[in-house]
Amino acid sequence: MAKGDKINFSTPSGFPEFLPSEKRLELYLLDIIRRVFESYGFTPIETPAVERLEVLQAKGNQGDNIIYGINPILPPNRQAERDKSGETGSEARALKFDQTVPLAAYIARHLNELTFPFARYQTDVVFRGERAKDGRFRQFRQCDIDVVARRELSLLYDAQMPAIITEIFEAINIGDFLIRINNRKVLTGFFKSLGIAENQIKSCIGIVDTLEKIGESKVKQDLEKEGISVEQAQKIIEFIKIDGSVDEVLDKLKHLAQNLPETEQLTLGVSELETVITGVRNLGVAENRFCIDLSIARGLDYYTGTVYETTLLGHEALGSICSGGRYEELVGVFLGEKMPGVGISIGLTRLISRLLKAGILNTLAATPAQVMVVNMQEDLMPTYLKVSQHLRQAGINVITNFDKRPLGKQFQLADKQGIQFCVIIGSEEAAAQKSSLKDLKTGEQVEVLLENLAEEVKKRLT
């Protein structure tokens, strides 16, 4: 760089950067999510940000969204060394685009060190090479849980997922939401009963999954482009539009399964769906929190059974705020044995961005401090330090103002950071072992003995 050239210090497109008030909101939400995850016995793990490219492509997923390169560990000024390494195939590396595929590799690497069913949570950052735009990021934090078993995994684990989603979003208090549940076997079984070829079913599921984005007419067109007849396309639209209460939808599905040809897989899917719904009810999830929605397909290749998407009612344009499902073969790709799993994911960075923009959530104060001990006199600093420590030991977050400036300026500084209380101690207060406690929200100021200060602050905190 030539001397005098300006450095472009703007953030790279698609890579978010948080102000303190935004980061504190993220940490607050992460704490709620973590507590709920752990209440169901999920344990934390962390996987590398970088995986071998062949691992991430094991199931043919997200190929267009992978951010990859040859030996990204070496910096550009060692390009010759990079080229000499000639890393290809098993040595090529990429940034992980989700948590599920890396989880499968993690289990394969630590198979003999884990107990099964293995229930884990992760709140890591993932990376996608998609076009950056409002609410879409190339780097974002995902909060995932998955349960993986060897050979068999109870459908009651599938039932637990809506209970966990419900607890998280009720704790966050973002308003009414609906968990939409389906089963991929129901879709696959219905497509088979229509005579749709096995090699067309995957693309049909992908098209159905776009219904909310592109609309019914475009879904029909796309189905027909895949070689699906007009009559078959119409029946698919009619099928995925089946609605009613959970029990009414189940009854309609059972009736269809009894009256269509080749419905073995459809019948199995309906049975699994009914088992999951029964479990959801037994876990105490309110009926208005979930429904059966046959248009929910989840586009990723590895889902094979139960699938979920969660929508914020009145804000459907935000899209799914939590999604996931069951997979049977993902881990087996690495180990060659059946290891079924089920999981959900909250794209937290995207969610926060959407909810802030919609006015559903607000950022927190820029600082966690609840009290500022103001600086009235430099010679009283030992007293200010002792009082600050006394408040901290009582569990109160405190900023001690080390800089002497006009009292009004110190109040402004505290208010700008969202600090509610200021402790004022001058020479007279110090001599009498007292302080003035000013509430910046109400403007009220009271005199408090230093020995009672912590108790008074706690009583007044809102």
Protein backbone atom coordinates (compact mmCIF):
# COMPACT_ATOMS: atom_id res chain seq x y z
CA MET A 1 0.00 0.00 0.00
CA ALA A 2 1.36 3.39 -0.98
CA LYS A 3 1.92 5.92 1.77
CA GLY A 4 -1.13 8.11 2.16
CA ASP A 5 -3.54 5.59 0.66
CA LYS A 6 -6.69 5.25 2.71
CA ILE A 7 -7.60 1.87 4.14
CA ASN A 8 -11.13 0.67 3.42
CA PHE A 9 -12.23 -0.39 6.90
CA SER A 10 -15.90 -1.06 6.09
CA THR A 11 -17.20 -4.52 6.99
CA PRO A 12 -17.18 -7.10 4.19
CA SER A 13 -20.61 -7.53 2.60
CA GLY A 14 -22.76 -10.05 4.43
CA PHE A 15 -20.63 -10.18 7.56
CA PRO A 16 -22.48 -8.56 10.49
CA GLU A 17 -20.99 -6.34 13.15
CA PHE A 18 -22.87 -5.56 16.37
CA LEU A 19 -23.09 -2.47 18.53
CA PRO A 20 -22.97 -3.19 22.28
CA SER A 21 -26.76 -2.89 22.63
CA GLU A 22 -27.24 -5.44 19.82
CA LYS A 23 -24.62 -7.85 21.14
CA ARG A 24 -26.14 -7.73 24.61
CA LEU A 25 -29.52 -8.66 23.09
CA GLU A 26 -27.90 -11.61 21.31
CA LEU A 27 -26.27 -12.79 24.55
CA TYR A 28 -29.57 -12.41 26.42
CA LEU A 29 -31.38 -14.56 23.84
CA LEU A 30 -28.52 -17.08 23.78
CA ASP A 31 -28.85 -17.47 27.54
CA ILE A 32 -32.58 -18.21 27.28
CA ILE A 33 -31.99 -20.71 24.48
CA ARG A 34 -29.14 -22.40 26.35
CA ARG A 35 -31.21 -22.76 29.54
CA VAL A 36 -34.09 -24.40 27.67
CA PHE A 37 -31.75 -26.72 25.75
CA GLU A 38 -30.03 -27.81 28.95
CA SER A 39 -33.35 -28.34 30.75
CA TYR A 40 -33.96 -31.18 28.27
CA GLY A 41 -30.50 -32.65 28.88
CA PHE A 42 -28.71 -31.38 25.78
CA THR A 43 -24.96 -30.98 26.20
CA PRO A 44 -22.77 -28.37 24.44
CA ILE A 45 -20.14 -29.16 21.82
CA GLU A 46 -18.16 -27.12 19.31
CA THR A 47 -16.97 -28.18 15.88
CA PRO A 48 -14.33 -26.49 13.68
CA ALA A 49 -15.34 -23.54 11.52
CA VAL A 50 -13.37 -25.26 8.73
CA GLU A 51 -14.15 -28.79 7.52
CA ARG A 52 -12.85 -30.89 4.67
CA LEU A 53 -14.83 -30.06 1.56
CA GLU A 54 -15.74 -33.70 0.97
CA VAL A 55 -17.33 -33.80 4.45
CA LEU A 56 -19.57 -30.82 3.69
CA GLN A 57 -20.51 -32.30 0.32
CA ALA A 58 -21.17 -35.76 1.73
CA LYS A 59 -24.90 -35.57 1.01
CA GLY A 60 -24.69 -33.21 -1.94
CA ASN A 61 -26.06 -30.29 0.08
CA GLN A 62 -25.56 -26.53 -0.26
CA GLY A 63 -22.99 -26.81 -3.05
CA ASP A 64 -23.75 -23.30 -4.31
CA ASN A 65 -23.51 -21.80 -0.83
CA ILE A 66 -20.20 -23.24 0.35
CA ILE A 67 -17.39 -20.75 0.96
CA TYR A 68 -14.31 -22.75 0.08
CA GLY A 69 -10.70 -22.58 -1.06
CA ILE A 70 -7.48 -24.55 -1.18
CA ASN A 71 -5.64 -24.54 2.14
CA PRO A 72 -7.26 -21.37 3.52
CA ILE A 73 -5.02 -21.64 6.60
CA LEU A 74 -2.05 -20.20 4.66
CA PRO A 75 -2.07 -16.42 4.05
CA PRO A 76 -1.83 -14.85 0.57
CA ASN A 77 1.84 -13.89 1.05
CA ARG A 78 2.63 -17.61 1.13
CA GLN A 79 0.88 -18.25 -2.19
CA ALA A 80 3.77 -20.30 -3.56
CA GLU A 81 3.54 -22.60 -0.57
CA ARG A 82 -0.22 -22.80 -1.07
CA ASP A 83 0.24 -23.78 -4.69
CA LYS A 84 2.97 -26.29 -3.83
CA SER A 85 0.72 -28.01 -1.31
CA GLY A 86 -1.61 -28.83 -4.21
CA GLU A 87 -4.45 -29.65 -1.87
CA THR A 88 -7.33 -31.24 -3.72
CA GLY A 89 -9.89 -33.92 -3.00
CA SER A 90 -9.75 -34.97 0.64
CA GLU A 91 -7.44 -32.05 1.51
CA ALA A 92 -9.63 -29.24 0.14
CA ARG A 93 -11.28 -27.31 2.95
CA ALA A 94 -14.32 -25.07 3.35
CA LEU A 95 -16.21 -23.11 5.98
CA LYS A 96 -19.14 -25.00 7.48
CA PHE A 97 -22.54 -23.90 6.13
CA ASP A 98 -24.61 -25.49 8.91
CA GLN A 99 -24.15 -27.52 12.12
CA THR A 100 -25.79 -30.80 11.10
CA VAL A 101 -23.31 -32.15 8.56
CA PRO A 102 -20.34 -31.25 10.83
CA LEU A 103 -22.20 -32.99 13.69
CA ALA A 104 -22.33 -36.17 11.64
CA ALA A 105 -18.57 -35.98 11.08
CA TYR A 106 -18.03 -35.16 14.78
CA ILE A 107 -19.91 -38.30 15.81
CA ALA A 108 -17.89 -40.38 13.37
CA ARG A 109 -14.66 -38.97 14.83
CA HIS A 110 -15.69 -39.51 18.47
CA LEU A 111 -17.94 -42.57 18.17
CA ASN A 112 -16.30 -44.51 20.99
CA GLU A 113 -16.19 -41.50 23.34
CA LEU A 114 -19.92 -40.65 23.19
CA THR A 115 -22.99 -42.22 24.76
CA PHE A 116 -26.15 -42.73 22.71
CA PRO A 117 -28.70 -41.37 22.16
CA PHE A 118 -26.35 -38.40 21.94
CA ALA A 119 -28.14 -35.08 22.55
CA ARG A 120 -26.06 -32.00 21.84
CA TYR A 121 -26.51 -28.30 21.31
CA GLN A 122 -24.36 -25.79 19.43
CA THR A 123 -24.52 -22.02 19.16
CA ASP A 124 -21.70 -21.58 16.64
CA VAL A 125 -21.21 -19.25 13.70
CA VAL A 126 -21.73 -20.71 10.20
CA PHE A 127 -20.92 -19.35 6.75
CA ARG A 128 -22.78 -19.31 3.45
CA GLY A 129 -21.61 -17.92 0.14
CA GLU A 130 -24.99 -16.52 -0.81
CA ARG A 131 -25.84 -13.05 -2.03
CA ALA A 132 -25.84 -10.67 0.93
CA LYS A 133 -29.02 -8.64 1.34
CA ASP A 134 -31.34 -7.35 4.03
CA GLY A 135 -31.79 -10.10 6.64
CA ARG A 136 -29.47 -12.51 4.78
CA PHE A 137 -25.89 -12.93 5.91
CA ARG A 138 -22.77 -14.78 4.84
CA GLN A 139 -21.81 -15.23 8.47
CA PHE A 140 -24.45 -15.85 11.12
CA ARG A 141 -25.01 -17.64 14.42
CA GLN A 142 -27.12 -20.78 14.50
CA CYS A 143 -28.54 -22.37 17.65
CA ASP A 144 -29.00 -26.08 17.00
CA ILE A 145 -30.03 -29.17 18.91
CA ASP A 146 -29.89 -32.73 17.62
CA VAL A 147 -30.40 -36.17 19.09
CA VAL A 148 -28.63 -39.02 17.30
CA ALA A 149 -28.96 -42.72 18.12
CA ARG A 150 -27.48 -45.97 16.92
CA ARG A 151 -29.94 -48.03 14.88
CA GLU A 152 -33.25 -46.77 16.38
CA LEU A 153 -34.44 -43.39 17.69
CA SER A 154 -37.81 -43.01 19.42
CA LEU A 155 -40.31 -40.71 17.73
CA LEU A 156 -40.81 -39.09 21.14
CA TYR A 157 -37.56 -37.21 20.47
CA ASP A 158 -39.37 -35.73 17.45
CA ALA A 159 -42.23 -34.79 19.79
CA GLN A 160 -39.83 -33.01 22.16
CA MET A 161 -38.75 -30.54 19.50
CA PRO A 162 -42.04 -28.55 19.38
CA ALA A 163 -42.06 -28.46 23.20
CA ILE A 164 -38.55 -26.96 23.18
CA ILE A 165 -39.44 -24.46 20.45
CA THR A 166 -42.51 -23.41 22.42
CA GLU A 167 -40.58 -22.84 25.65
CA ILE A 168 -37.93 -20.75 23.91
CA PHE A 169 -40.28 -18.44 22.04
CA GLU A 170 -42.64 -18.04 24.98
CA ALA A 171 -39.64 -17.06 27.15
CA ILE A 172 -38.47 -14.56 24.52
CA ASN A 173 -42.05 -13.23 24.42
CA ILE A 174 -42.19 -12.37 20.73
CA GLY A 175 -45.94 -12.87 20.32
CA ASP A 176 -48.04 -15.66 18.85
CA PHE A 177 -46.28 -18.29 16.77
CA LEU A 178 -47.25 -21.54 15.08
CA ILE A 179 -45.13 -24.69 14.73
CA ARG A 180 -46.08 -26.37 11.46
CA ILE A 181 -45.38 -30.10 11.42
CA ASN A 182 -45.29 -32.60 8.57
CA ASN A 183 -43.58 -35.87 7.65
CA ARG A 184 -41.56 -36.36 4.46
CA LYS A 185 -42.85 -39.95 4.21
CA VAL A 186 -46.38 -38.56 3.89
CA LEU A 187 -45.31 -36.46 0.90
CA THR A 188 -43.17 -39.18 -0.66
CA GLY A 189 -45.88 -41.79 -0.14
CA PHE A 190 -48.52 -39.58 -1.73
CA PHE A 191 -46.30 -38.84 -4.75
CA LYS A 192 -45.72 -42.59 -5.20
CA SER A 193 -49.47 -43.26 -5.04
CA LEU A 194 -49.89 -40.82 -7.96
CA GLY A 195 -47.44 -42.86 -10.02
CA ILE A 196 -44.67 -40.26 -9.89
CA ALA A 197 -41.30 -41.87 -10.60
CA GLU A 198 -38.79 -42.29 -7.77
CA ASN A 199 -36.24 -40.08 -9.51
CA GLN A 200 -38.78 -37.23 -9.76
CA ILE A 201 -39.88 -37.24 -6.12
CA LYS A 202 -36.85 -35.35 -4.79
CA SER A 203 -37.38 -32.44 -7.18
CA CYS A 204 -41.13 -32.46 -6.46
CA ILE A 205 -40.47 -32.09 -2.74
CA GLY A 206 -38.12 -29.20 -3.45
CA ILE A 207 -40.78 -27.47 -5.55
CA VAL A 208 -43.51 -27.99 -2.93
CA ASP A 209 -41.18 -26.44 -0.35
CA THR A 210 -41.24 -23.17 -2.34
CA LEU A 211 -45.04 -22.78 -2.24
CA GLU A 212 -45.05 -19.83 0.16
CA LYS A 213 -42.35 -18.01 -1.80
CA ILE A 214 -43.59 -18.47 -5.36
CA GLY A 215 -47.32 -19.26 -5.03
CA GLU A 216 -49.61 -22.03 -6.20
CA SER A 217 -49.59 -21.16 -9.91
CA LYS A 218 -45.78 -21.14 -10.16
CA VAL A 219 -45.56 -24.42 -8.20
CA LYS A 220 -47.85 -26.03 -10.78
CA GLN A 221 -45.72 -24.69 -13.63
CA ASP A 222 -42.51 -25.94 -12.02
CA LEU A 223 -44.01 -29.37 -11.39
CA GLU A 224 -45.07 -29.63 -15.00
CA LYS A 225 -41.56 -28.63 -16.12
CA GLU A 226 -40.30 -31.65 -14.17
CA GLY A 227 -42.53 -33.91 -16.26
CA ILE A 228 -45.45 -34.06 -13.84
CA SER A 229 -48.80 -34.14 -15.64
CA VAL A 230 -51.35 -31.35 -15.22
CA GLU A 231 -53.65 -33.77 -13.42
CA GLN A 232 -50.90 -34.95 -11.05
CA ALA A 233 -49.83 -31.37 -10.34
CA GLN A 234 -53.41 -30.41 -9.48
CA LYS A 235 -53.72 -33.38 -7.11
CA ILE A 236 -50.45 -32.39 -5.41
CA ILE A 237 -51.76 -28.84 -4.87
CA GLU A 238 -55.04 -30.18 -3.48
CA PHE A 239 -53.15 -32.53 -1.18
CA ILE A 240 -50.79 -29.97 0.33
CA LYS A 241 -53.74 -27.59 0.87
CA ILE A 242 -55.58 -30.06 3.12
CA ASP A 243 -56.34 -28.17 6.31
CA GLY A 244 -58.41 -28.25 9.48
CA SER A 245 -57.63 -29.19 13.06
CA VAL A 246 -54.80 -31.62 13.73
CA ASP A 247 -57.26 -34.48 14.21
CA GLU A 248 -59.24 -33.56 11.09
CA VAL A 249 -56.08 -33.56 8.96
CA LEU A 250 -54.99 -36.93 10.38
CA ASP A 251 -58.43 -38.39 9.61
CA LYS A 252 -58.29 -37.10 6.03
CA LEU A 253 -54.82 -38.59 5.58
CA LYS A 254 -55.92 -41.97 6.93
CA HIS A 255 -58.89 -41.94 4.57
CA LEU A 256 -56.61 -41.18 1.61
CA ALA A 257 -54.21 -43.95 2.60
CA GLN A 258 -57.08 -46.43 2.58
CA ASN A 259 -58.31 -45.41 -0.86
CA LEU A 260 -55.17 -44.84 -2.92
CA PRO A 261 -52.89 -47.43 -4.53
CA GLU A 262 -49.38 -48.18 -3.22
CA THR A 263 -49.77 -46.29 0.06
CA GLU A 264 -47.43 -48.28 2.32
CA GLN A 265 -45.08 -45.31 2.78
CA LEU A 266 -47.97 -42.85 3.10
CA THR A 267 -49.53 -45.02 5.82
CA LEU A 268 -46.20 -45.22 7.65
CA GLY A 269 -45.78 -41.43 7.45
CA VAL A 270 -49.28 -40.82 8.82
CA SER A 271 -48.63 -43.26 11.68
CA GLU A 272 -45.37 -41.49 12.57
CA LEU A 273 -47.07 -38.10 12.37
CA GLU A 274 -49.84 -39.27 14.71
CA THR A 275 -47.28 -40.61 17.21
CA VAL A 276 -45.41 -37.30 17.19
CA ILE A 277 -48.62 -35.27 17.64
CA THR A 278 -49.66 -37.46 20.59
CA GLY A 279 -46.25 -36.89 22.18
CA VAL A 280 -46.45 -33.12 21.61
CA ARG A 281 -49.80 -33.07 23.41
CA ASN A 282 -48.50 -35.21 26.28
CA LEU A 283 -45.64 -32.73 26.72
CA GLY A 284 -48.23 -30.03 27.38
CA VAL A 285 -47.81 -27.93 24.25
CA ALA A 286 -50.95 -25.83 23.76
CA GLU A 287 -53.11 -26.75 20.76
CA ASN A 288 -52.83 -23.23 19.33
CA ARG A 289 -49.03 -23.56 19.13
CA PHE A 290 -48.88 -26.33 16.49
CA CYS A 291 -50.64 -27.69 13.43
CA ILE A 292 -50.14 -30.17 10.59
CA ASP A 293 -49.15 -28.40 7.36
CA LEU A 294 -48.65 -30.72 4.39
CA SER A 295 -46.86 -28.01 2.40
CA ILE A 296 -43.88 -28.11 4.79
CA ALA A 297 -41.20 -30.16 3.04
CA ARG A 298 -37.78 -28.75 4.08
CA GLY A 299 -35.64 -28.66 0.97
CA LEU A 300 -32.44 -30.24 2.33
CA ASP A 301 -31.76 -33.71 0.98
CA TYR A 302 -31.10 -35.43 4.28
CA TYR A 303 -34.56 -35.07 5.89
CA THR A 304 -36.52 -38.33 5.79
CA GLY A 305 -39.33 -38.11 8.37
CA THR A 306 -40.75 -35.43 10.66
CA VAL A 307 -40.13 -31.84 9.53
CA TYR A 308 -40.89 -28.55 11.27
CA GLU A 309 -41.16 -24.86 10.45
CA THR A 310 -42.17 -22.14 12.91
CA THR A 311 -43.95 -18.97 11.80
CA LEU A 312 -44.58 -15.76 13.74
CA LEU A 313 -48.29 -15.06 13.35
CA GLY A 314 -49.02 -11.65 11.90
CA HIS A 315 -45.47 -11.51 10.58
CA GLU A 316 -45.48 -14.43 8.14
CA ALA A 317 -43.33 -12.43 5.71
CA LEU A 318 -40.42 -12.97 8.12
CA GLY A 319 -40.42 -16.63 7.03
CA SER A 320 -39.53 -19.56 9.26
CA ILE A 321 -37.98 -18.55 12.58
CA CYS A 322 -37.06 -22.12 13.58
CA SER A 323 -36.94 -25.25 11.45
CA GLY A 324 -35.59 -28.78 11.34
CA GLY A 325 -36.51 -32.43 11.08
CA ARG A 326 -35.52 -36.10 11.21
CA TYR A 327 -32.80 -37.72 9.13
CA GLU A 328 -31.90 -41.40 8.88
CA GLU A 329 -28.76 -41.68 6.77
CA LEU A 330 -26.64 -38.57 7.29
CA VAL A 331 -24.31 -39.96 9.97
CA GLY A 332 -24.25 -43.31 8.22
CA VAL A 333 -22.56 -41.67 5.24
CA PHE A 334 -19.39 -41.51 7.37
CA LEU A 335 -19.78 -44.74 9.34
CA GLY A 336 -21.71 -47.13 7.15
CA GLU A 337 -24.30 -47.89 9.83
CA LYS A 338 -27.80 -46.64 10.53
CA MET A 339 -27.72 -43.68 12.92
CA PRO A 340 -31.02 -41.79 12.87
CA GLY A 341 -31.26 -38.27 14.25
CA VAL A 342 -33.67 -35.38 14.70
CA GLY A 343 -32.93 -31.71 15.28
CA ILE A 344 -33.99 -28.09 14.98
CA SER A 345 -32.14 -24.88 14.22
CA ILE A 346 -32.69 -21.22 15.06
CA GLY A 347 -30.77 -18.84 12.78
CA LEU A 348 -30.27 -16.36 15.61
CA THR A 349 -28.50 -13.59 13.68
CA ARG A 350 -31.18 -13.56 11.01
CA LEU A 351 -33.95 -13.79 13.61
CA ILE A 352 -32.65 -10.83 15.62
CA SER A 353 -32.27 -8.75 12.44
CA ARG A 354 -35.83 -9.50 11.37
CA LEU A 355 -37.41 -8.95 14.80
CA LEU A 356 -35.58 -5.68 15.40
CA LYS A 357 -36.63 -4.34 12.01
CA ALA A 358 -40.25 -5.38 12.63
CA GLY A 359 -40.23 -3.69 16.05
CA ILE A 360 -40.98 -6.99 17.82
CA LEU A 361 -37.75 -6.87 19.82
CA ASN A 362 -35.74 -3.91 21.08
CA THR A 363 -32.03 -3.73 21.76
CA LEU A 364 -30.83 -3.68 25.36
CA ALA A 365 -28.95 -0.88 27.09
CA ALA A 366 -25.43 -0.40 25.77
CA THR A 367 -23.93 -1.50 29.10
CA PRO A 368 -24.96 -4.10 31.66
CA ALA A 369 -24.14 -1.60 34.42
CA GLN A 370 -27.08 -0.69 36.64
CA VAL A 371 -25.30 1.92 38.75
CA MET A 372 -22.69 4.60 38.15
CA VAL A 373 -20.67 5.85 41.12
CA VAL A 374 -19.97 9.43 40.09
CA ASN A 375 -16.71 11.27 40.75
CA MET A 376 -17.32 14.33 42.92
CA GLN A 377 -13.80 14.72 44.35
CA GLU A 378 -10.55 13.01 43.35
CA ASP A 379 -9.53 12.65 47.01
CA LEU A 380 -12.66 10.52 47.66
CA MET A 381 -11.69 7.89 45.06
CA PRO A 382 -10.81 5.30 47.77
CA THR A 383 -14.40 5.66 49.06
CA TYR A 384 -15.84 5.36 45.53
CA LEU A 385 -13.83 2.19 44.93
CA LYS A 386 -14.94 0.62 48.22
CA VAL A 387 -18.61 1.49 47.59
CA SER A 388 -18.38 0.12 44.03
CA GLN A 389 -16.95 -3.18 45.26
CA HIS A 390 -19.61 -3.41 47.99
CA LEU A 391 -22.35 -3.07 45.36
CA ARG A 392 -20.69 -5.61 43.05
CA GLN A 393 -20.42 -8.13 45.87
CA ALA A 394 -24.18 -7.71 46.33
CA GLY A 395 -24.70 -8.72 42.70
CA ILE A 396 -25.14 -5.22 41.23
CA ASN A 397 -23.32 -4.17 38.03
CA VAL A 398 -21.37 -0.97 38.60
CA ILE A 399 -19.34 1.55 36.62
CA THR A 400 -17.01 3.74 38.68
CA ASN A 401 -16.38 7.07 36.99
CA PHE A 402 -12.64 7.68 37.29
CA ASP A 403 -12.74 10.97 35.36
CA LYS A 404 -13.63 14.19 37.15
CA ARG A 405 -16.14 16.24 35.15
CA PRO A 406 -19.26 18.34 35.88
CA LEU A 407 -21.99 16.36 37.64
CA GLY A 408 -24.52 17.04 34.88
CA LYS A 409 -22.12 15.60 32.30
CA GLN A 410 -21.72 12.45 34.39
CA PHE A 411 -25.52 12.09 34.58
CA GLN A 412 -25.70 12.48 30.79
CA LEU A 413 -23.02 9.81 30.32
CA ALA A 414 -24.92 7.38 32.56
CA ASP A 415 -28.25 8.09 30.88
CA LYS A 416 -26.78 7.64 27.38
CA GLN A 417 -25.62 4.15 28.35
CA GLY A 418 -28.97 3.21 29.88
CA ILE A 419 -27.72 3.24 33.49
CA GLN A 420 -30.66 3.89 35.81
CA PHE A 421 -28.96 4.96 39.08
CA CYS A 422 -26.14 7.28 40.06
CA VAL A 423 -24.51 7.18 43.49
CA ILE A 424 -23.37 10.64 44.63
CA ILE A 425 -20.89 10.98 47.51
CA GLY A 426 -19.31 14.29 48.42
CA SER A 427 -17.19 15.15 51.46
CA GLU A 428 -20.23 15.68 53.73
CA GLU A 429 -21.82 12.36 52.66
CA ALA A 430 -18.54 10.51 53.08
CA ALA A 431 -18.09 11.91 56.61
CA ALA A 432 -21.65 10.84 57.52
CA GLN A 433 -21.29 7.42 55.75
CA LYS A 434 -24.18 8.36 53.48
CA SER A 435 -24.81 8.78 49.77
CA SER A 436 -27.41 10.34 47.49
CA LEU A 437 -29.04 7.85 45.11
CA LYS A 438 -30.44 9.45 41.95
CA ASP A 439 -32.91 7.59 39.72
CA LEU A 440 -32.33 8.89 36.19
CA LYS A 441 -35.63 7.44 34.99
CA THR A 442 -37.79 9.32 37.47
CA GLY A 443 -35.49 12.13 38.54
CA GLU A 444 -36.04 11.17 42.19
CA GLN A 445 -33.06 11.53 44.54
CA VAL A 446 -32.94 10.02 48.04
CA GLU A 447 -30.39 9.94 50.85
CA VAL A 448 -29.24 6.44 51.83
CA LEU A 449 -26.80 5.15 54.43
CA LEU A 450 -23.86 3.43 52.71
CA GLU A 451 -24.53 0.25 54.66
CA ASN A 452 -28.08 0.18 53.19
CA LEU A 453 -27.15 1.26 49.66
CA ALA A 454 -27.07 -2.17 48.03
CA GLU A 455 -30.43 -3.13 49.50
CA GLU A 456 -31.98 0.17 48.38
CA VAL A 457 -30.68 -0.20 44.82
CA LYS A 458 -32.00 -3.77 44.56
CA LYS A 459 -35.39 -2.65 45.81
CA ARG A 460 -35.60 0.08 43.17
CA LEU A 461 -34.24 -1.80 40.15
CA THR A 462 -36.91 -2.29 37.51
